[in-house]
Amino acid sequence: MDSVSKINVHEKILGLINKIKHGEIEGTYEIVVATVSTLKEVINNTEWKTAQSVMDLVKLNGKHLINGVPLETCIGNMIRRILHIIREEYSAELKNKTEETDPQESLHKIITSKNEHDIDFNISVPFLKEALVEHINEFEVELETCYENITQQASEHIHSSEIILTIGRSRLVEEFFKKAAKTRTFEVIVAEGGSDLNGHQMAVNLAKVNIKTTLISDAAIFAMMSRVNKVIVATHTVMLNGGLKATSGTYTVAQAAKHYYVPVMVLLPLYKLSPEYLCLYEQEGFNKYLSPSQGVIPIDNIQLMDKIRAYNPAIDYVPPELVTLFISNTGGNAPSYIYRLLSELYHPDDYEL
């Protein structure tokens, strides 16, 4: 790669990091789309000859993105997905090249097929760049339809006369309820949701489409859970073990649901599925802390700041044993099936970037 290409790629990566940090790109879906688009530009507009060289290019720039925005695990997920696409397309193009040169040799290779770990990615194959760009374009279309594919399943999981509890505001959960409301009559209880209290806006939006909605404080979650038929929540990330990184307060909801044997359903676009496993003590990569004035200490009682130390985490960890079902764009899956979904989305060699 020449120096001009290096500068252009570096500027694109830095530009994406700055836009995310400054709030110009907000929301997991928007970050995912921007990441895939940037990586596609990097692959399409730089000079490389082999699959190994383009994988090295994606990994190098991917590490810069991850280090720049460590809490957005969806960025790492997209890097791994692009690497998986490169491996798939290279194997397909290499197979086509072999079949064209010697059909008998190709038949022999099918019979004595090697493990993918033994594939030499340094062999140059024609049309690899075109195949990669086409495959990434298809993946972008898949991303555009993932919300719709999840909301189409709403009537399968929400039944008439049910009382459903959720926490905070999620655009996906909101659309899920609105879709179900077209064929079902049900009630939603919305907990305020952590520090930003965006459950208020969620309740307003649901009420506007004539869904019977009740707004409660997070302190009332346990008291109300005995009336609830099921819990439907969104998530920030689903990790290797099936545990969630979700908005603050979700752990309280899941614990209360367990006590009353209420099923907990999590809406999971597959771009949020990560092969990482972060422990609670790894707070740098797991959590972020908000100002105590957001929901912990009233702004008119600011003198308390000098006398107490208050923590206001934005993220909760919810262990997999508290989750009943993940509803993804490919269907419903139990937490124990997460490992299988991971093997379909990412290559094991790319789990550690």
Protein backbone atom coordinates (compact mmCIF):
# COMPACT_ATOMS: atom_id res chain seq x y z
CA MET A 1 0.00 0.00 0.00
CA ASP A 2 1.50 3.36 -1.02
CA SER A 3 1.84 6.36 1.32
CA VAL A 4 -1.15 8.22 -0.20
CA SER A 5 -3.44 5.23 0.39
CA LYS A 6 -2.16 4.89 3.95
CA ILE A 7 -2.97 8.55 4.66
CA ASN A 8 -6.49 8.26 3.17
CA VAL A 9 -7.26 5.10 5.14
CA HIS A 10 -5.90 6.66 8.33
CA GLU A 11 -8.08 9.75 7.81
CA LYS A 12 -11.20 7.63 7.26
CA ILE A 13 -10.61 5.60 10.43
CA LEU A 14 -9.86 8.69 12.53
CA GLY A 15 -12.88 10.45 11.05
CA LEU A 16 -15.18 7.56 12.05
CA ILE A 17 -13.75 7.48 15.60
CA ASN A 18 -14.25 11.24 16.00
CA LYS A 19 -17.82 11.14 14.70
CA ILE A 20 -18.74 8.39 17.18
CA LYS A 21 -17.02 10.15 20.10
CA HIS A 22 -18.61 13.52 19.32
CA GLY A 23 -22.09 12.05 18.95
CA GLU A 24 -22.41 12.68 15.21
CA ILE A 25 -23.09 8.95 14.80
CA GLU A 26 -25.38 7.69 17.59
CA GLY A 27 -26.99 4.32 18.19
CA THR A 28 -25.61 0.83 17.68
CA TYR A 29 -27.22 0.33 14.27
CA GLU A 30 -25.85 3.61 12.90
CA ILE A 31 -22.36 2.76 14.20
CA VAL A 32 -22.55 -0.70 12.61
CA VAL A 33 -23.58 0.71 9.22
CA ALA A 34 -20.82 3.36 9.33
CA THR A 35 -18.19 0.77 10.31
CA VAL A 36 -19.11 -1.63 7.49
CA SER A 37 -19.21 1.23 4.97
CA THR A 38 -15.77 2.49 6.07
CA LEU A 39 -14.20 -0.98 5.93
CA LYS A 40 -15.70 -1.52 2.47
CA GLU A 41 -14.08 1.71 1.30
CA VAL A 42 -10.75 0.62 2.80
CA ILE A 43 -10.93 -2.72 0.95
CA ASN A 44 -12.09 -1.18 -2.33
CA ASN A 45 -9.76 1.84 -2.47
CA THR A 46 -6.43 0.35 -1.40
CA GLU A 47 -3.96 -1.82 -3.27
CA TRP A 48 -3.56 -5.42 -2.09
CA LYS A 49 -2.91 -8.68 -3.88
CA THR A 50 -3.76 -11.57 -1.56
CA ALA A 51 -6.45 -12.46 0.97
CA GLN A 52 -3.85 -12.45 3.74
CA SER A 53 -2.82 -8.88 2.96
CA VAL A 54 -6.41 -7.59 2.98
CA MET A 55 -7.14 -9.45 6.24
CA ASP A 56 -4.06 -7.84 7.79
CA LEU A 57 -5.29 -4.46 6.52
CA VAL A 58 -8.76 -4.94 8.05
CA LYS A 59 -7.31 -6.19 11.36
CA LEU A 60 -4.86 -3.28 11.62
CA ASN A 61 -7.49 -0.62 11.03
CA GLY A 62 -10.00 -2.57 13.09
CA LYS A 63 -7.71 -2.45 16.12
CA HIS A 64 -7.49 1.34 15.78
CA LEU A 65 -11.29 1.54 15.75
CA ILE A 66 -11.67 -0.76 18.76
CA ASN A 67 -9.03 1.11 20.76
CA GLY A 68 -10.63 4.43 19.83
CA VAL A 69 -14.14 3.40 20.93
CA PRO A 70 -13.65 0.41 23.28
CA LEU A 71 -17.20 0.31 24.67
CA GLU A 72 -18.85 -0.16 21.26
CA THR A 73 -18.38 -3.93 20.90
CA CYS A 74 -20.45 -3.88 17.70
CA ILE A 75 -17.39 -2.42 15.92
CA GLY A 76 -15.33 -5.51 16.73
CA ASN A 77 -18.25 -7.69 15.64
CA MET A 78 -18.33 -6.05 12.22
CA ILE A 79 -14.57 -6.41 11.80
CA ARG A 80 -14.87 -10.13 12.53
CA ARG A 81 -17.80 -10.42 10.13
CA ILE A 82 -15.83 -8.74 7.33
CA LEU A 83 -12.90 -11.11 8.00
CA HIS A 84 -15.31 -14.05 7.78
CA ILE A 85 -16.57 -12.74 4.43
CA ILE A 86 -12.98 -12.48 3.17
CA ARG A 87 -12.30 -16.10 4.18
CA GLU A 88 -15.51 -17.30 2.50
CA GLU A 89 -14.95 -15.45 -0.77
CA TYR A 90 -11.28 -16.44 -0.94
CA SER A 91 -12.14 -20.13 -0.47
CA ALA A 92 -14.83 -19.87 -3.17
CA GLU A 93 -12.57 -18.05 -5.65
CA LEU A 94 -9.68 -20.45 -4.93
CA LYS A 95 -11.99 -23.41 -5.59
CA ASN A 96 -13.13 -21.87 -8.89
CA LYS A 97 -9.53 -21.27 -9.92
CA THR A 98 -8.56 -24.87 -9.12
CA GLU A 99 -11.52 -26.32 -11.00
CA GLU A 100 -10.63 -24.29 -14.09
CA THR A 101 -7.02 -25.44 -14.10
CA ASP A 102 -7.44 -29.14 -13.33
CA PRO A 103 -10.84 -30.78 -12.66
CA GLN A 104 -9.20 -34.07 -11.57
CA GLU A 105 -7.06 -32.26 -9.02
CA SER A 106 -10.17 -30.47 -7.75
CA LEU A 107 -11.97 -33.81 -7.24
CA HIS A 108 -8.96 -35.11 -5.36
CA LYS A 109 -9.01 -32.02 -3.11
CA ILE A 110 -12.71 -32.51 -2.33
CA ILE A 111 -12.03 -36.10 -1.24
CA THR A 112 -8.95 -35.15 0.79
CA SER A 113 -10.22 -31.74 1.86
CA LYS A 114 -8.01 -29.87 4.29
CA ASN A 115 -9.02 -28.11 7.43
CA GLU A 116 -9.62 -24.39 6.90
CA HIS A 117 -6.73 -23.67 9.26
CA ASP A 118 -4.42 -25.18 6.60
CA ILE A 119 -5.57 -22.88 3.78
CA ASP A 120 -2.82 -20.67 2.37
CA PHE A 121 -4.26 -17.16 2.12
CA ASN A 122 -1.18 -15.86 0.30
CA ILE A 123 -2.20 -17.27 -3.08
CA SER A 124 -3.36 -14.57 -5.47
CA VAL A 125 -6.79 -15.25 -7.03
CA PRO A 126 -8.55 -13.17 -9.70
CA PHE A 127 -11.66 -11.07 -9.04
CA LEU A 128 -11.34 -11.37 -5.24
CA LYS A 129 -11.84 -7.62 -4.68
CA GLU A 130 -15.00 -7.55 -6.80
CA ALA A 131 -16.39 -10.62 -5.00
CA LEU A 132 -15.66 -9.07 -1.59
CA VAL A 133 -17.35 -5.76 -2.41
CA GLU A 134 -20.41 -7.59 -3.79
CA HIS A 135 -20.65 -9.79 -0.68
CA ILE A 136 -20.31 -6.78 1.64
CA ASN A 137 -23.07 -5.00 -0.33
CA GLU A 138 -25.32 -8.02 0.31
CA PHE A 139 -24.41 -7.89 3.99
CA GLU A 140 -25.39 -4.20 4.12
CA VAL A 141 -28.82 -5.12 2.70
CA GLU A 142 -29.10 -7.81 5.40
CA LEU A 143 -28.38 -5.16 8.05
CA GLU A 144 -31.11 -2.92 6.64
CA THR A 145 -33.72 -5.67 7.00
CA CYS A 146 -32.69 -7.12 10.39
CA TYR A 147 -35.07 -4.88 12.42
CA GLU A 148 -37.96 -5.76 10.12
CA ASN A 149 -37.17 -9.49 10.38
CA ILE A 150 -37.34 -9.26 14.19
CA THR A 151 -40.53 -7.21 14.35
CA GLN A 152 -42.26 -9.63 11.94
CA GLN A 153 -42.10 -12.22 14.75
CA ALA A 154 -43.98 -9.97 17.22
CA SER A 155 -47.36 -11.70 16.89
CA GLU A 156 -45.72 -15.08 17.63
CA HIS A 157 -44.49 -13.93 21.04
CA ILE A 158 -47.13 -11.40 22.15
CA HIS A 159 -50.67 -12.64 22.74
CA SER A 160 -53.93 -10.86 23.46
CA SER A 161 -54.64 -9.65 27.01
CA GLU A 162 -51.02 -10.09 28.11
CA ILE A 163 -49.21 -7.65 30.38
CA ILE A 164 -45.62 -7.07 29.24
CA LEU A 165 -42.88 -5.22 31.09
CA THR A 166 -39.93 -3.44 29.51
CA ILE A 167 -37.35 -0.94 30.74
CA GLY A 168 -36.13 2.31 29.24
CA ARG A 169 -36.51 3.12 25.57
CA SER A 170 -35.37 0.99 22.66
CA ARG A 171 -36.39 1.76 19.09
CA LEU A 172 -36.45 -1.96 18.29
CA VAL A 173 -38.65 -2.86 21.29
CA GLU A 174 -40.93 0.05 20.43
CA GLU A 175 -41.36 -1.16 16.83
CA PHE A 176 -41.85 -4.73 18.12
CA PHE A 177 -44.78 -3.59 20.29
CA LYS A 178 -46.27 -1.46 17.52
CA LYS A 179 -46.15 -4.39 15.09
CA ALA A 180 -47.87 -6.71 17.60
CA ALA A 181 -50.52 -4.06 18.36
CA LYS A 182 -51.83 -4.37 14.79
CA THR A 183 -53.22 -7.84 15.57
CA ARG A 184 -53.18 -8.06 19.38
CA THR A 185 -54.58 -6.10 22.34
CA PHE A 186 -52.17 -6.04 25.27
CA GLU A 187 -50.80 -3.81 28.01
CA VAL A 188 -47.23 -2.58 28.48
CA ILE A 189 -45.61 -1.54 31.75
CA VAL A 190 -42.57 0.67 31.14
CA ALA A 191 -39.95 1.13 33.85
CA GLU A 192 -38.23 4.54 33.68
CA GLY A 193 -34.86 3.02 32.94
CA GLY A 194 -31.67 3.88 34.73
CA SER A 195 -30.19 7.34 34.77
CA ASP A 196 -31.55 9.00 31.63
CA LEU A 197 -35.21 8.04 32.34
CA ASN A 198 -35.92 7.54 28.64
CA GLY A 199 -38.75 5.20 29.58
CA HIS A 200 -40.88 8.35 29.74
CA GLN A 201 -40.48 8.85 25.98
CA MET A 202 -41.11 5.15 25.38
CA ALA A 203 -44.41 5.35 27.27
CA VAL A 204 -45.48 8.45 25.33
CA ASN A 205 -44.67 6.83 21.96
CA LEU A 206 -46.62 3.65 22.78
CA ALA A 207 -49.62 5.59 24.08
CA LYS A 208 -49.74 7.56 20.82
CA VAL A 209 -50.54 4.35 18.91
CA ASN A 210 -53.24 3.37 21.43
CA ILE A 211 -51.24 0.74 23.31
CA LYS A 212 -52.38 0.71 26.95
CA THR A 213 -49.22 1.86 28.76
CA THR A 214 -48.28 2.35 32.40
CA LEU A 215 -45.09 4.15 33.43
CA ILE A 216 -43.46 3.07 36.71
CA SER A 217 -40.29 4.00 38.57
CA ASP A 218 -37.45 1.46 38.68
CA ALA A 219 -38.11 1.09 42.42
CA ALA A 220 -41.54 -0.42 41.64
CA ILE A 221 -40.25 -3.15 39.29
CA PHE A 222 -40.38 -5.96 41.87
CA ALA A 223 -43.81 -4.94 43.14
CA MET A 224 -45.30 -4.92 39.62
CA MET A 225 -43.64 -8.10 38.37
CA SER A 226 -46.26 -10.40 39.95
CA ARG A 227 -48.83 -9.01 37.47
CA VAL A 228 -46.61 -9.44 34.41
CA ASN A 229 -46.88 -12.26 31.84
CA LYS A 230 -43.49 -11.71 30.20
CA VAL A 231 -40.57 -9.32 29.98
CA ILE A 232 -39.28 -8.03 26.62
CA VAL A 233 -36.09 -5.96 26.63
CA ALA A 234 -33.35 -4.82 24.30
CA THR A 235 -29.60 -5.28 24.81
CA HIS A 236 -26.37 -3.48 24.04
CA THR A 237 -24.33 -6.67 23.53
CA VAL A 238 -24.72 -10.42 23.94
CA MET A 239 -21.44 -12.02 24.93
CA LEU A 240 -19.83 -15.41 24.37
CA ASN A 241 -21.54 -17.07 27.35
CA GLY A 242 -24.98 -15.68 26.48
CA GLY A 243 -24.78 -12.93 29.11
CA LEU A 244 -26.01 -9.42 28.34
CA LYS A 245 -24.60 -5.94 28.50
CA ALA A 246 -27.84 -3.99 28.81
CA THR A 247 -29.10 -0.65 30.05
CA SER A 248 -28.81 -0.02 33.79
CA GLY A 249 -31.75 -1.57 35.61
CA THR A 250 -32.12 -4.61 33.34
CA TYR A 251 -30.46 -6.86 35.93
CA THR A 252 -33.08 -5.79 38.49
CA VAL A 253 -35.84 -6.63 36.00
CA ALA A 254 -34.32 -10.06 35.24
CA GLN A 255 -33.91 -10.91 38.94
CA ALA A 256 -37.51 -9.94 39.70
CA ALA A 257 -38.71 -11.98 36.71
CA LYS A 258 -36.79 -15.02 37.96
CA HIS A 259 -38.44 -14.70 41.39
CA TYR A 260 -41.93 -14.74 39.85
CA TYR A 261 -41.07 -17.27 37.08
CA VAL A 262 -41.75 -14.70 34.35
CA PRO A 263 -40.03 -15.42 31.00
CA VAL A 264 -37.45 -12.85 29.85
CA MET A 265 -37.16 -12.32 26.09
CA VAL A 266 -34.31 -10.32 24.58
CA LEU A 267 -34.50 -8.77 21.10
CA LEU A 268 -31.15 -9.49 19.46
CA PRO A 269 -30.08 -8.16 16.05
CA LEU A 270 -27.17 -10.48 15.23
CA TYR A 271 -24.70 -7.62 14.85
CA LYS A 272 -24.87 -7.28 18.65
CA LEU A 273 -23.64 -10.85 19.16
CA SER A 274 -20.01 -10.77 20.28
CA PRO A 275 -17.46 -13.58 20.87
CA GLU A 276 -15.92 -11.52 23.67
CA TYR A 277 -16.40 -12.33 27.31
CA LEU A 278 -15.91 -9.40 29.67
CA CYS A 279 -16.08 -9.80 33.42
CA LEU A 280 -17.57 -7.24 35.76
CA TYR A 281 -14.14 -6.22 37.02
CA GLU A 282 -13.00 -5.36 33.49
CA GLN A 283 -14.82 -2.05 33.70
CA GLU A 284 -12.71 -0.23 31.10
CA GLY A 285 -14.07 -2.43 28.36
CA PHE A 286 -17.39 -3.20 30.01
CA ASN A 287 -18.96 -0.08 31.48
CA LYS A 288 -19.11 3.68 31.48
CA TYR A 289 -20.09 5.92 34.37
CA LEU A 290 -22.44 8.86 34.05
CA SER A 291 -22.64 11.99 36.16
CA PRO A 292 -24.33 11.38 39.54
CA SER A 293 -26.56 14.39 38.75
CA GLN A 294 -28.28 12.14 36.17
CA GLY A 295 -30.76 10.34 38.38
CA VAL A 296 -28.66 9.77 41.56
CA ILE A 297 -28.22 13.19 43.17
CA PRO A 298 -30.70 15.97 42.33
CA ILE A 299 -29.05 18.98 40.70
CA ASP A 300 -30.41 21.29 43.44
CA ASN A 301 -28.55 19.21 46.06
CA ILE A 302 -25.14 19.60 44.47
CA GLN A 303 -23.42 20.37 47.81
CA LEU A 304 -23.65 16.64 48.58
CA MET A 305 -21.02 16.01 45.91
CA ASP A 306 -18.24 17.05 48.29
CA LYS A 307 -19.45 14.70 51.03
CA ILE A 308 -20.27 11.44 49.27
CA ARG A 309 -18.98 9.28 46.42
CA ALA A 310 -21.74 8.16 44.06
CA TYR A 311 -21.43 5.70 41.16
CA ASN A 312 -23.85 5.89 38.25
CA PRO A 313 -23.13 3.02 35.82
CA ALA A 314 -24.81 3.09 32.42
CA ILE A 315 -24.56 -0.68 31.84
CA ASP A 316 -25.77 -3.78 33.71
CA TYR A 317 -24.48 -7.33 33.27
CA VAL A 318 -27.26 -9.93 33.08
CA PRO A 319 -26.09 -13.58 33.31
CA PRO A 320 -27.47 -16.08 30.75
CA GLU A 321 -29.40 -18.09 33.35
CA LEU A 322 -31.78 -15.13 33.76
CA VAL A 323 -32.66 -15.07 30.03
CA THR A 324 -35.37 -17.33 28.60
CA LEU A 325 -35.18 -16.60 24.88
CA PHE A 326 -33.27 -14.50 22.36
CA ILE A 327 -35.36 -13.27 19.42
CA SER A 328 -32.96 -12.61 16.54
CA ASN A 329 -33.48 -11.77 12.88
CA THR A 330 -33.15 -15.52 12.12
CA GLY A 331 -35.66 -16.71 14.77
CA GLY A 332 -35.83 -17.57 18.45
CA ASN A 333 -32.87 -19.17 20.23
CA ALA A 334 -32.13 -20.30 23.78
CA PRO A 335 -29.03 -18.83 25.51
CA SER A 336 -27.31 -22.23 25.20
CA TYR A 337 -27.48 -21.90 21.39
CA ILE A 338 -25.39 -18.72 21.29
CA TYR A 339 -22.19 -20.67 20.62
CA ARG A 340 -23.74 -22.09 17.45
CA LEU A 341 -24.78 -18.67 16.18
CA LEU A 342 -21.25 -17.39 16.84
CA SER A 343 -19.72 -20.20 14.77
CA GLU A 344 -21.95 -19.21 11.84
CA LEU A 345 -21.11 -15.50 12.02
CA TYR A 346 -17.39 -15.44 12.85
CA HIS A 347 -14.31 -17.60 12.32
CA PRO A 348 -12.69 -18.90 15.55
CA ASP A 349 -9.31 -17.45 14.49
CA ASP A 350 -10.84 -13.98 14.55
CA TYR A 351 -12.28 -14.12 18.07
CA GLU A 352 -9.08 -12.48 19.32
CA LEU A 353 -8.28 -9.61 16.97
